[in-house]
Amino acid sequence: MNNLAPHTKPARPEDFADVRLAVLEPGDEVIPLGLSPVSAGFPSPAEDYAEGGLNVHSYLVRNPVATFFFPVRGDSMQGAGILDGDILVVDRSVTPVDGHIVVAFVQGERLVKRLRLRAGRMTLLAENPAYPPLPITEDTEHVLWGVVVGKFKRVPS
C-alpha cells in the first residue's frame, strides 16, 4: 500500500473478519438537506424547509471498493473527537501521511491513532494524555491499513 512500513507482515483475510464494507450504492438513501447551516452558537434566522438532499454514501465514501467501516472501542482518540461507539469510515486507497488518523495493525492488535512521521521515524499517537506514544521500529510488526476519512456517531436521545 505504501513505503512507510517496510517491515510489515502481509495482511490476512482472517485479520478483517469483522470489517464492514461500504455497501450503499451511489444514489441510495438521499436525506433532505437544509441549505442553511445549523448554528452551534447564537441562533440565526434559517429556512423553515429543506431543499436539496444529502447522499451519505457520496459524502463519506470516495472510493467504494477501498472503503470499510470500523466500530471504535475505547477512549484513546477522544481528543480527535473519536469516541467509543463511533463508526469510522476508513479508505485504504488514501496514502497515509504525517498527521493522518490511521487504522493500523501493530503486533496483531488493531488500533486507531494519529500518524507522526519525523526524521525517518514513525510513531502512532493517541489523542488522550492517558495513553503513551507508540514508536514503530524495524522490529515492530505493523501494517498501516487505511486512513480515517469520516465517522458516524449517534447522539444520545
N, C-alpha and C. Protein backbone atom coordinates (compact mmCIF):
# COMPACT_ATOMS: atom_id res chain seq x y z
N MET A 1 0.82 -1.19 0.00
CA MET A 1 0.00 0.00 0.00
C MET A 1 0.86 1.25 0.00
N ASN A 2 1.95 1.26 0.73
CA ASN A 2 2.81 2.44 0.80
C ASN A 2 4.21 2.01 1.19
N ASN A 3 5.13 2.94 1.14
CA ASN A 3 6.51 2.62 1.50
C ASN A 3 6.85 3.09 2.91
N LEU A 4 5.85 3.46 3.71
CA LEU A 4 6.11 3.93 5.07
C LEU A 4 6.37 2.78 6.04
N ALA A 5 5.98 1.60 5.69
CA ALA A 5 6.09 0.48 6.60
C ALA A 5 6.85 -0.68 5.95
N PRO A 6 8.18 -0.56 5.80
CA PRO A 6 8.92 -1.58 5.06
C PRO A 6 9.00 -2.92 5.79
N HIS A 7 8.77 -2.96 7.08
CA HIS A 7 8.89 -4.20 7.84
C HIS A 7 7.53 -4.69 8.29
N THR A 8 6.61 -4.78 7.36
CA THR A 8 5.27 -5.19 7.73
C THR A 8 5.03 -6.64 7.35
N LYS A 9 4.11 -7.22 8.07
CA LYS A 9 3.67 -8.56 7.77
C LYS A 9 2.45 -8.45 6.87
N PRO A 10 2.33 -9.25 5.82
CA PRO A 10 1.17 -9.13 4.93
C PRO A 10 -0.13 -9.38 5.70
N ALA A 11 -1.16 -8.60 5.36
CA ALA A 11 -2.47 -8.79 5.99
C ALA A 11 -3.08 -10.08 5.49
N ARG A 12 -3.83 -10.74 6.36
CA ARG A 12 -4.52 -11.98 6.01
C ARG A 12 -6.02 -11.73 6.07
N PRO A 13 -6.83 -12.46 5.28
CA PRO A 13 -8.28 -12.25 5.31
C PRO A 13 -8.87 -12.40 6.71
N GLU A 14 -8.38 -13.31 7.50
CA GLU A 14 -8.93 -13.50 8.85
C GLU A 14 -8.65 -12.31 9.77
N ASP A 15 -7.70 -11.45 9.40
CA ASP A 15 -7.45 -10.25 10.19
C ASP A 15 -8.61 -9.27 10.10
N PHE A 16 -9.46 -9.43 9.11
CA PHE A 16 -10.52 -8.46 8.84
C PHE A 16 -11.91 -9.08 8.86
N ALA A 17 -12.09 -10.14 9.62
CA ALA A 17 -13.36 -10.86 9.63
C ALA A 17 -14.54 -9.98 10.03
N ASP A 18 -14.33 -9.00 10.90
CA ASP A 18 -15.44 -8.16 11.37
C ASP A 18 -15.50 -6.80 10.68
N VAL A 19 -14.76 -6.60 9.61
CA VAL A 19 -14.77 -5.34 8.88
C VAL A 19 -16.09 -5.24 8.11
N ARG A 20 -16.71 -4.09 8.17
CA ARG A 20 -17.97 -3.86 7.46
C ARG A 20 -17.67 -3.11 6.18
N LEU A 21 -18.17 -3.64 5.07
CA LEU A 21 -17.97 -3.00 3.77
C LEU A 21 -18.93 -1.83 3.61
N ALA A 22 -18.54 -0.86 2.81
CA ALA A 22 -19.40 0.26 2.48
C ALA A 22 -20.37 -0.23 1.41
N VAL A 23 -21.57 -0.68 1.82
CA VAL A 23 -22.46 -1.38 0.91
C VAL A 23 -23.48 -0.50 0.19
N LEU A 24 -23.64 0.74 0.60
CA LEU A 24 -24.59 1.60 -0.10
C LEU A 24 -24.10 1.89 -1.51
N GLU A 25 -25.01 1.95 -2.42
CA GLU A 25 -24.67 2.33 -3.78
C GLU A 25 -24.94 3.82 -3.95
N PRO A 26 -24.17 4.50 -4.78
CA PRO A 26 -24.46 5.92 -5.02
C PRO A 26 -25.92 6.09 -5.45
N GLY A 27 -26.58 7.07 -4.87
CA GLY A 27 -27.98 7.30 -5.17
C GLY A 27 -28.90 6.75 -4.10
N ASP A 28 -28.42 5.83 -3.27
CA ASP A 28 -29.22 5.27 -2.18
C ASP A 28 -29.30 6.26 -1.04
N GLU A 29 -30.40 6.21 -0.34
CA GLU A 29 -30.57 6.92 0.92
C GLU A 29 -30.24 8.42 0.84
N VAL A 30 -30.94 9.13 -0.02
CA VAL A 30 -30.79 10.57 -0.07
C VAL A 30 -31.65 11.16 1.03
N ILE A 31 -31.04 11.97 1.88
CA ILE A 31 -31.69 12.56 3.04
C ILE A 31 -31.91 14.04 2.77
N PRO A 32 -33.11 14.58 3.08
CA PRO A 32 -33.31 16.02 2.87
C PRO A 32 -32.24 16.84 3.59
N LEU A 33 -31.77 17.89 2.93
CA LEU A 33 -30.70 18.71 3.48
C LEU A 33 -31.12 20.17 3.42
N GLY A 34 -31.05 20.85 4.57
CA GLY A 34 -31.35 22.27 4.60
C GLY A 34 -30.22 23.05 3.97
N LEU A 35 -30.53 24.13 3.31
CA LEU A 35 -29.49 24.94 2.67
C LEU A 35 -28.75 25.81 3.67
N SER A 36 -29.40 26.15 4.77
CA SER A 36 -28.77 26.99 5.78
C SER A 36 -28.13 26.12 6.84
N PRO A 37 -26.87 26.42 7.23
CA PRO A 37 -26.23 25.64 8.28
C PRO A 37 -26.94 25.84 9.61
N VAL A 38 -26.79 24.89 10.50
CA VAL A 38 -27.34 24.98 11.85
C VAL A 38 -26.32 25.68 12.72
N SER A 39 -26.74 26.70 13.44
CA SER A 39 -25.83 27.45 14.29
C SER A 39 -25.51 26.65 15.55
N ALA A 40 -24.24 26.55 15.89
CA ALA A 40 -23.82 25.92 17.13
C ALA A 40 -23.48 26.99 18.17
N GLY A 41 -23.76 28.24 17.84
CA GLY A 41 -23.52 29.36 18.75
C GLY A 41 -24.85 30.04 19.01
N PHE A 42 -24.94 31.30 18.65
CA PHE A 42 -26.20 32.03 18.81
C PHE A 42 -27.13 31.69 17.67
N PRO A 43 -28.44 31.63 17.95
CA PRO A 43 -29.39 31.32 16.87
C PRO A 43 -29.32 32.36 15.76
N SER A 44 -29.56 31.89 14.55
CA SER A 44 -29.62 32.80 13.42
C SER A 44 -30.86 32.45 12.61
N PRO A 45 -31.37 33.41 11.84
CA PRO A 45 -32.53 33.09 11.01
C PRO A 45 -32.16 31.98 10.03
N ALA A 46 -33.05 31.01 9.88
CA ALA A 46 -32.79 29.90 8.96
C ALA A 46 -34.06 29.58 8.19
N GLU A 47 -33.88 28.87 7.12
CA GLU A 47 -35.02 28.44 6.32
C GLU A 47 -35.86 27.45 7.13
N ASP A 48 -37.16 27.49 6.93
CA ASP A 48 -38.06 26.58 7.63
C ASP A 48 -38.29 25.30 6.84
N TYR A 49 -37.60 25.13 5.75
CA TYR A 49 -37.80 23.94 4.95
C TYR A 49 -36.46 23.45 4.41
N ALA A 50 -36.44 22.21 4.01
CA ALA A 50 -35.21 21.63 3.47
C ALA A 50 -35.26 21.65 1.96
N GLU A 51 -34.13 21.98 1.35
CA GLU A 51 -34.01 21.92 -0.10
C GLU A 51 -32.78 21.10 -0.42
N GLY A 52 -32.83 20.39 -1.51
CA GLY A 52 -31.70 19.56 -1.89
C GLY A 52 -31.70 18.28 -1.09
N GLY A 53 -30.60 17.57 -1.14
CA GLY A 53 -30.50 16.32 -0.41
C GLY A 53 -29.06 15.96 -0.17
N LEU A 54 -28.85 15.11 0.79
CA LEU A 54 -27.52 14.63 1.13
C LEU A 54 -27.48 13.13 0.92
N ASN A 55 -26.60 12.68 0.06
CA ASN A 55 -26.36 11.27 -0.11
C ASN A 55 -25.18 10.92 0.79
N VAL A 56 -25.45 10.22 1.87
CA VAL A 56 -24.41 9.91 2.86
C VAL A 56 -23.28 9.13 2.20
N HIS A 57 -23.61 8.24 1.32
CA HIS A 57 -22.58 7.44 0.65
C HIS A 57 -21.63 8.32 -0.14
N SER A 58 -22.16 9.20 -0.97
CA SER A 58 -21.27 10.02 -1.80
C SER A 58 -20.55 11.07 -0.96
N TYR A 59 -21.10 11.44 0.20
CA TYR A 59 -20.45 12.42 1.07
C TYR A 59 -19.24 11.82 1.79
N LEU A 60 -19.34 10.58 2.25
CA LEU A 60 -18.28 9.97 3.05
C LEU A 60 -17.43 8.94 2.32
N VAL A 61 -17.94 8.37 1.24
CA VAL A 61 -17.22 7.28 0.56
C VAL A 61 -16.72 7.78 -0.78
N ARG A 62 -15.40 7.96 -0.88
CA ARG A 62 -14.80 8.44 -2.14
C ARG A 62 -14.47 7.28 -3.07
N ASN A 63 -14.07 6.16 -2.50
CA ASN A 63 -13.67 5.00 -3.28
C ASN A 63 -14.33 3.76 -2.69
N PRO A 64 -15.51 3.38 -3.18
CA PRO A 64 -16.27 2.30 -2.55
C PRO A 64 -15.52 0.98 -2.41
N VAL A 65 -14.70 0.59 -3.38
CA VAL A 65 -14.02 -0.70 -3.28
C VAL A 65 -12.90 -0.70 -2.24
N ALA A 66 -12.49 0.48 -1.79
CA ALA A 66 -11.40 0.58 -0.82
C ALA A 66 -11.87 1.14 0.52
N THR A 67 -13.19 1.24 0.71
CA THR A 67 -13.73 1.87 1.92
C THR A 67 -14.36 0.82 2.83
N PHE A 68 -14.05 0.92 4.11
CA PHE A 68 -14.53 -0.02 5.11
C PHE A 68 -14.99 0.74 6.35
N PHE A 69 -15.86 0.11 7.12
CA PHE A 69 -16.36 0.70 8.36
C PHE A 69 -15.80 -0.08 9.54
N PHE A 70 -15.32 0.63 10.55
CA PHE A 70 -14.80 0.02 11.76
C PHE A 70 -15.49 0.62 12.98
N PRO A 71 -16.02 -0.20 13.87
CA PRO A 71 -16.53 0.34 15.14
C PRO A 71 -15.37 0.68 16.07
N VAL A 72 -15.53 1.73 16.86
CA VAL A 72 -14.48 2.18 17.79
C VAL A 72 -14.80 1.62 19.17
N ARG A 73 -13.75 1.14 19.82
CA ARG A 73 -13.86 0.69 21.20
C ARG A 73 -12.73 1.36 21.98
N GLY A 74 -13.07 2.13 22.99
CA GLY A 74 -12.06 2.76 23.81
C GLY A 74 -12.07 4.27 23.70
N ASP A 75 -11.15 4.90 24.45
CA ASP A 75 -11.14 6.36 24.55
C ASP A 75 -9.81 7.01 24.18
N SER A 76 -8.93 6.28 23.52
CA SER A 76 -7.60 6.82 23.25
C SER A 76 -7.60 7.95 22.22
N MET A 77 -8.68 8.12 21.47
CA MET A 77 -8.71 9.16 20.43
C MET A 77 -9.75 10.24 20.72
N GLN A 78 -10.14 10.38 21.98
CA GLN A 78 -11.18 11.34 22.33
C GLN A 78 -10.82 12.77 21.97
N GLY A 79 -9.56 13.13 22.04
CA GLY A 79 -9.13 14.48 21.69
C GLY A 79 -9.33 14.81 20.22
N ALA A 80 -9.46 13.79 19.39
CA ALA A 80 -9.72 13.97 17.96
C ALA A 80 -11.21 13.85 17.66
N GLY A 81 -12.03 13.73 18.72
CA GLY A 81 -13.47 13.60 18.53
C GLY A 81 -13.91 12.21 18.13
N ILE A 82 -13.04 11.22 18.30
CA ILE A 82 -13.37 9.83 18.00
C ILE A 82 -13.62 9.15 19.35
N LEU A 83 -14.87 8.73 19.56
CA LEU A 83 -15.28 8.20 20.85
C LEU A 83 -15.76 6.76 20.75
N ASP A 84 -15.78 6.10 21.89
CA ASP A 84 -16.26 4.73 21.99
C ASP A 84 -17.67 4.65 21.37
N GLY A 85 -17.86 3.70 20.48
CA GLY A 85 -19.17 3.52 19.84
C GLY A 85 -19.29 4.18 18.48
N ASP A 86 -18.38 5.10 18.13
CA ASP A 86 -18.41 5.71 16.81
C ASP A 86 -18.09 4.64 15.75
N ILE A 87 -18.51 4.90 14.53
CA ILE A 87 -18.17 4.03 13.39
C ILE A 87 -17.27 4.84 12.47
N LEU A 88 -16.04 4.36 12.26
CA LEU A 88 -15.09 5.05 11.40
C LEU A 88 -15.27 4.64 9.94
N VAL A 89 -15.08 5.60 9.05
CA VAL A 89 -15.06 5.35 7.62
C VAL A 89 -13.58 5.38 7.23
N VAL A 90 -13.06 4.24 6.78
CA VAL A 90 -11.63 4.09 6.51
C VAL A 90 -11.42 3.78 5.04
N ASP A 91 -10.55 4.58 4.40
CA ASP A 91 -10.27 4.43 2.98
C ASP A 91 -8.85 3.90 2.82
N ARG A 92 -8.74 2.72 2.23
CA ARG A 92 -7.43 2.10 2.01
C ARG A 92 -6.70 2.68 0.81
N SER A 93 -7.38 3.44 -0.04
CA SER A 93 -6.72 3.98 -1.23
C SER A 93 -6.00 5.29 -0.95
N VAL A 94 -6.19 5.86 0.25
CA VAL A 94 -5.50 7.10 0.61
C VAL A 94 -4.13 6.75 1.17
N THR A 95 -3.10 7.37 0.64
CA THR A 95 -1.75 7.15 1.14
C THR A 95 -1.58 7.90 2.45
N PRO A 96 -1.24 7.19 3.54
CA PRO A 96 -1.10 7.88 4.83
C PRO A 96 0.11 8.81 4.85
N VAL A 97 -0.10 10.00 5.40
CA VAL A 97 0.97 10.98 5.56
C VAL A 97 0.94 11.48 7.00
N ASP A 98 1.99 12.18 7.38
CA ASP A 98 2.10 12.73 8.72
C ASP A 98 0.84 13.51 9.09
N GLY A 99 0.28 13.20 10.25
CA GLY A 99 -0.90 13.89 10.73
C GLY A 99 -2.21 13.19 10.46
N HIS A 100 -2.23 12.24 9.53
CA HIS A 100 -3.46 11.49 9.27
C HIS A 100 -3.82 10.63 10.47
N ILE A 101 -5.09 10.40 10.65
CA ILE A 101 -5.56 9.40 11.61
C ILE A 101 -5.69 8.11 10.80
N VAL A 102 -5.05 7.06 11.31
CA VAL A 102 -4.97 5.80 10.57
C VAL A 102 -5.49 4.64 11.39
N VAL A 103 -5.92 3.61 10.69
CA VAL A 103 -6.15 2.30 11.30
C VAL A 103 -4.90 1.50 11.00
N ALA A 104 -4.31 0.96 12.05
CA ALA A 104 -3.07 0.20 11.90
C ALA A 104 -3.18 -1.10 12.67
N PHE A 105 -2.46 -2.10 12.20
CA PHE A 105 -2.30 -3.34 12.95
C PHE A 105 -0.88 -3.31 13.52
N VAL A 106 -0.76 -3.38 14.83
CA VAL A 106 0.54 -3.35 15.49
C VAL A 106 0.61 -4.55 16.43
N GLN A 107 1.61 -5.42 16.17
CA GLN A 107 1.79 -6.62 16.98
C GLN A 107 0.47 -7.40 17.08
N GLY A 108 -0.29 -7.45 15.99
CA GLY A 108 -1.53 -8.21 15.94
C GLY A 108 -2.75 -7.50 16.49
N GLU A 109 -2.60 -6.28 16.99
CA GLU A 109 -3.73 -5.53 17.55
C GLU A 109 -4.16 -4.43 16.59
N ARG A 110 -5.46 -4.29 16.38
CA ARG A 110 -5.99 -3.24 15.51
C ARG A 110 -6.15 -1.97 16.33
N LEU A 111 -5.58 -0.86 15.83
CA LEU A 111 -5.58 0.41 16.54
C LEU A 111 -6.03 1.53 15.62
N VAL A 112 -6.57 2.60 16.22
CA VAL A 112 -6.76 3.85 15.50
C VAL A 112 -5.92 4.88 16.24
N LYS A 113 -5.02 5.54 15.50
CA LYS A 113 -4.08 6.50 16.10
C LYS A 113 -3.73 7.56 15.06
N ARG A 114 -3.12 8.65 15.53
CA ARG A 114 -2.61 9.68 14.63
C ARG A 114 -1.19 9.30 14.22
N LEU A 115 -0.92 9.36 12.93
CA LEU A 115 0.40 9.02 12.39
C LEU A 115 1.33 10.21 12.50
N ARG A 116 2.49 9.98 13.10
CA ARG A 116 3.52 11.03 13.21
C ARG A 116 4.77 10.50 12.52
N LEU A 117 5.26 11.22 11.54
CA LEU A 117 6.48 10.88 10.82
C LEU A 117 7.46 12.03 11.01
N ARG A 118 8.56 11.77 11.70
CA ARG A 118 9.57 12.80 11.98
C ARG A 118 10.96 12.18 11.86
N ALA A 119 11.81 12.81 11.08
CA ALA A 119 13.22 12.41 10.94
C ALA A 119 13.35 10.91 10.66
N GLY A 120 12.51 10.40 9.75
CA GLY A 120 12.59 9.00 9.38
C GLY A 120 12.01 8.04 10.40
N ARG A 121 11.40 8.55 11.43
CA ARG A 121 10.81 7.69 12.47
C ARG A 121 9.29 7.77 12.41
N MET A 122 8.66 6.64 12.69
CA MET A 122 7.21 6.56 12.71
C MET A 122 6.74 6.35 14.15
N THR A 123 5.73 7.13 14.56
CA THR A 123 5.13 6.99 15.87
C THR A 123 3.62 7.07 15.69
N LEU A 124 2.90 6.26 16.44
CA LEU A 124 1.44 6.33 16.46
C LEU A 124 1.05 7.00 17.77
N LEU A 125 0.26 8.07 17.65
CA LEU A 125 -0.08 8.88 18.81
C LEU A 125 -1.55 8.76 19.16
N ALA A 126 -1.82 8.62 20.45
CA ALA A 126 -3.18 8.69 20.95
C ALA A 126 -3.55 10.17 21.08
N GLU A 127 -4.82 10.45 21.14
CA GLU A 127 -5.31 11.81 21.38
C GLU A 127 -5.95 11.86 22.76
N ASN A 128 -5.27 11.23 23.70
CA ASN A 128 -5.69 11.19 25.10
C ASN A 128 -4.41 11.09 25.91
N PRO A 129 -4.15 12.02 26.84
CA PRO A 129 -2.88 12.01 27.58
C PRO A 129 -2.67 10.77 28.45
N ALA A 130 -3.71 9.98 28.64
CA ALA A 130 -3.57 8.75 29.44
C ALA A 130 -2.83 7.65 28.68
N TYR A 131 -2.63 7.83 27.37
CA TYR A 131 -2.00 6.80 26.54
C TYR A 131 -0.66 7.31 26.01
N PRO A 132 0.41 6.54 26.17
CA PRO A 132 1.72 6.98 25.70
C PRO A 132 1.85 6.83 24.18
N PRO A 133 2.78 7.57 23.56
CA PRO A 133 3.07 7.37 22.14
C PRO A 133 3.56 5.95 21.89
N LEU A 134 3.31 5.45 20.70
CA LEU A 134 3.72 4.10 20.33
C LEU A 134 4.74 4.21 19.19
N PRO A 135 6.05 4.16 19.54
CA PRO A 135 7.07 4.22 18.47
C PRO A 135 7.06 2.92 17.66
N ILE A 136 7.20 3.06 16.35
CA ILE A 136 7.25 1.92 15.46
C ILE A 136 8.70 1.78 15.00
N THR A 137 9.31 0.65 15.32
CA THR A 137 10.69 0.40 14.93
C THR A 137 10.73 -0.68 13.85
N GLU A 138 11.92 -0.96 13.36
CA GLU A 138 12.05 -2.00 12.34
C GLU A 138 11.68 -3.37 12.89
N ASP A 139 11.69 -3.55 14.20
CA ASP A 139 11.31 -4.83 14.80
C ASP A 139 9.83 -4.93 15.13
N THR A 140 9.09 -3.85 14.96
CA THR A 140 7.67 -3.83 15.28
C THR A 140 6.87 -4.39 14.11
N GLU A 141 6.11 -5.44 14.38
CA GLU A 141 5.22 -5.98 13.35
C GLU A 141 4.06 -5.01 13.20
N HIS A 142 3.90 -4.44 12.00
CA HIS A 142 2.86 -3.43 11.80
C HIS A 142 2.42 -3.33 10.35
N VAL A 143 1.18 -2.88 10.17
CA VAL A 143 0.62 -2.58 8.86
C VAL A 143 -0.19 -1.30 9.01
N LEU A 144 0.11 -0.31 8.21
CA LEU A 144 -0.75 0.87 8.12
C LEU A 144 -1.87 0.48 7.17
N TRP A 145 -3.06 0.23 7.70
CA TRP A 145 -4.12 -0.42 6.93
C TRP A 145 -4.95 0.56 6.12
N GLY A 146 -5.24 1.72 6.67
CA GLY A 146 -6.06 2.68 5.95
C GLY A 146 -6.13 4.01 6.69
N VAL A 147 -6.69 5.00 6.03
CA VAL A 147 -6.79 6.35 6.58
C VAL A 147 -8.26 6.63 6.92
N VAL A 148 -8.48 7.18 8.12
CA VAL A 148 -9.83 7.55 8.53
C VAL A 148 -10.23 8.81 7.77
N VAL A 149 -11.36 8.72 7.06
CA VAL A 149 -11.84 9.85 6.26
C VAL A 149 -13.17 10.40 6.77
N GLY A 150 -13.75 9.74 7.76
CA GLY A 150 -15.02 10.21 8.31
C GLY A 150 -15.46 9.31 9.43
N LYS A 151 -16.63 9.64 9.99
CA LYS A 151 -17.18 8.80 11.05
C LYS A 151 -18.67 9.01 11.15
N PHE A 152 -19.33 8.01 11.72
CA PHE A 152 -20.74 8.09 12.07
C PHE A 152 -20.81 8.11 13.59
N LYS A 153 -21.71 8.90 14.12
CA LYS A 153 -21.88 9.00 15.55
C LYS A 153 -23.36 9.12 15.89
N ARG A 154 -23.79 8.36 16.88
CA ARG A 154 -25.15 8.50 17.38
C ARG A 154 -25.13 9.45 18.57
N VAL A 155 -26.09 10.31 18.61
CA VAL A 155 -26.22 11.24 19.71
C VAL A 155 -27.26 10.67 20.66
N PRO A 156 -26.94 10.58 21.96
CA PRO A 156 -27.92 10.03 22.91
C PRO A 156 -29.21 10.84 22.88
N SER A 157 -30.32 10.13 22.96
CA SER A 157 -31.60 10.84 22.95
C SER A 157 -32.35 10.62 24.24
